[in-house]
Amino acid sequence: MSIALPFYIAEGDLTNTDKIRGNFEHIQDQLNNKAFTPASLADANAPNNSIYYSTTASKLVYKNSAGVVNNLY
């Protein structure tokens, strides 16, 4: 799962606590309170062991460690 953060913080920068707090709150919202939109990928471009919306099959799928794509509905 990929979560796009609302604020960029340079590596090692601990001075901007408002942005750091905002990023953590955003992650919390994404994981606990809101639905998320899975990545949309062609099967050939998707990594193994991932859940994504297949643009190849037009379905939500799981690609296992062997590279086999399984429909989830």
C-alpha atoms as a PDB file:
ATOM      1  CA  MET A   1       0.000   0.000   0.000  1.00  0.00           C
ATOM      2  CA  SER A   2       1.258   3.395  -0.882  1.00  0.00           C
ATOM      3  CA  ILE A   3       0.183   6.546   0.942  1.00  0.00           C
ATOM      4  CA  ALA A   4       1.030   9.918  -0.583  1.00  0.00           C
ATOM      5  CA  LEU A   5       1.967  12.327   2.184  1.00  0.00           C
ATOM      6  CA  PRO A   6       0.693  15.896   2.127  1.00  0.00           C
ATOM      7  CA  PHE A   7       3.983  17.461   3.297  1.00  0.00           C
ATOM      8  CA  TYR A   8       7.571  16.996   2.121  1.00  0.00           C
ATOM      9  CA  ILE A   9      10.137  16.867   4.905  1.00  0.00           C
ATOM     10  CA  ALA A  10      13.845  16.681   4.130  1.00  0.00           C
ATOM     11  CA  GLU A  11      15.654  13.665   5.541  1.00  0.00           C
ATOM     12  CA  GLY A  12      16.839  14.388   9.064  1.00  0.00           C
ATOM     13  CA  ASP A  13      14.755  17.563   9.415  1.00  0.00           C
ATOM     14  CA  LEU A  14      13.055  17.368  12.806  1.00  0.00           C
ATOM     15  CA  THR A  15      12.373  21.087  13.113  1.00  0.00           C
ATOM     16  CA  ASN A  16       9.038  21.330  11.323  1.00  0.00           C
ATOM     17  CA  THR A  17       6.789  19.583  13.827  1.00  0.00           C
ATOM     18  CA  ASP A  18       3.569  20.831  12.190  1.00  0.00           C
ATOM     19  CA  LYS A  19       4.410  19.059   8.926  1.00  0.00           C
ATOM     20  CA  ILE A  20       5.554  15.919  10.744  1.00  0.00           C
ATOM     21  CA  ARG A  21       2.336  15.859  12.780  1.00  0.00           C
ATOM     22  CA  GLY A  22       0.286  16.477   9.636  1.00  0.00           C
ATOM     23  CA  ASN A  23       1.911  13.525   7.874  1.00  0.00           C
ATOM     24  CA  PHE A  24       1.277  11.199  10.821  1.00  0.00           C
ATOM     25  CA  GLU A  25      -2.351  12.320  11.061  1.00  0.00           C
ATOM     26  CA  HIS A  26      -2.776  11.729   7.335  1.00  0.00           C
ATOM     27  CA  ILE A  27      -1.358   8.205   7.651  1.00  0.00           C
ATOM     28  CA  GLN A  28      -3.666   7.518  10.598  1.00  0.00           C
ATOM     29  CA  ASP A  29      -6.694   8.690   8.598  1.00  0.00           C
ATOM     30  CA  GLN A  30      -5.725   6.509   5.652  1.00  0.00           C
ATOM     31  CA  LEU A  31      -5.208   3.396   7.760  1.00  0.00           C
ATOM     32  CA  ASN A  32      -8.026   3.731  10.280  1.00  0.00           C
ATOM     33  CA  ASN A  33     -10.815   5.980   9.197  1.00  0.00           C
ATOM     34  CA  LYS A  34     -11.105   6.127   5.453  1.00  0.00           C
ATOM     35  CA  ALA A  35     -11.261   3.868   2.464  1.00  0.00           C
ATOM     36  CA  PHE A  36      -8.139   3.721   0.353  1.00  0.00           C
ATOM     37  CA  THR A  37      -7.737   3.511  -3.394  1.00  0.00           C
ATOM     38  CA  PRO A  38      -5.345   0.750  -4.432  1.00  0.00           C
ATOM     39  CA  ALA A  39      -2.792   1.403  -7.138  1.00  0.00           C
ATOM     40  CA  SER A  40      -3.938   0.824 -10.727  1.00  0.00           C
ATOM     41  CA  LEU A  41      -1.383  -1.224 -12.619  1.00  0.00           C
ATOM     42  CA  ALA A  42      -1.068  -3.513 -15.599  1.00  0.00           C
ATOM     43  CA  ASP A  43      -0.408  -7.064 -14.417  1.00  0.00           C
ATOM     44  CA  ALA A  44       3.019  -7.104 -16.081  1.00  0.00           C
ATOM     45  CA  ASN A  45       4.081  -3.979 -14.141  1.00  0.00           C
ATOM     46  CA  ALA A  46       2.784  -5.004 -10.720  1.00  0.00           C
ATOM     47  CA  PRO A  47       5.224  -6.378  -8.154  1.00  0.00           C
ATOM     48  CA  ASN A  48       4.735  -9.843  -6.705  1.00  0.00           C
ATOM     49  CA  ASN A  49       2.999 -10.057  -3.305  1.00  0.00           C
ATOM     50  CA  SER A  50       0.802  -7.037  -3.957  1.00  0.00           C
ATOM     51  CA  ILE A  51      -2.864  -6.077  -4.063  1.00  0.00           C
ATOM     52  CA  TYR A  52      -3.822  -3.635  -6.815  1.00  0.00           C
ATOM     53  CA  TYR A  53      -6.508  -2.762  -9.345  1.00  0.00           C
ATOM     54  CA  SER A  54      -5.575  -4.605 -12.524  1.00  0.00           C
ATOM     55  CA  THR A  55      -5.979  -2.496 -15.642  1.00  0.00           C
ATOM     56  CA  THR A  56      -5.439  -5.749 -17.548  1.00  0.00           C
ATOM     57  CA  ALA A  57      -8.413  -7.561 -15.970  1.00  0.00           C
ATOM     58  CA  SER A  58     -10.390  -4.509 -14.760  1.00  0.00           C
ATOM     59  CA  LYS A  59     -10.617  -6.114 -11.307  1.00  0.00           C
ATOM     60  CA  LEU A  60      -9.100  -5.935  -7.855  1.00  0.00           C
ATOM     61  CA  VAL A  61      -6.404  -8.616  -7.763  1.00  0.00           C
ATOM     62  CA  TYR A  62      -3.625 -10.158  -5.701  1.00  0.00           C
ATOM     63  CA  LYS A  63      -0.352 -11.071  -7.426  1.00  0.00           C
ATOM     64  CA  ASN A  64       1.320 -13.815  -5.405  1.00  0.00           C
ATOM     65  CA  SER A  65       5.013 -14.537  -4.874  1.00  0.00           C
ATOM     66  CA  ALA A  66       5.101 -16.724  -7.994  1.00  0.00           C
ATOM     67  CA  GLY A  67       3.689 -13.914 -10.150  1.00  0.00           C
ATOM     68  CA  VAL A  68       0.255 -15.508 -10.509  1.00  0.00           C
ATOM     69  CA  VAL A  69      -2.566 -12.930 -10.594  1.00  0.00           C
ATOM     70  CA  ASN A  70      -5.694 -13.918  -8.619  1.00  0.00           C
ATOM     71  CA  ASN A  71      -8.987 -12.018  -8.839  1.00  0.00           C
ATOM     72  CA  LEU A  72     -10.300 -10.907  -5.459  1.00  0.00           C
ATOM     73  CA  TYR A  73     -13.918 -10.658  -6.567  1.00  0.00           C
END
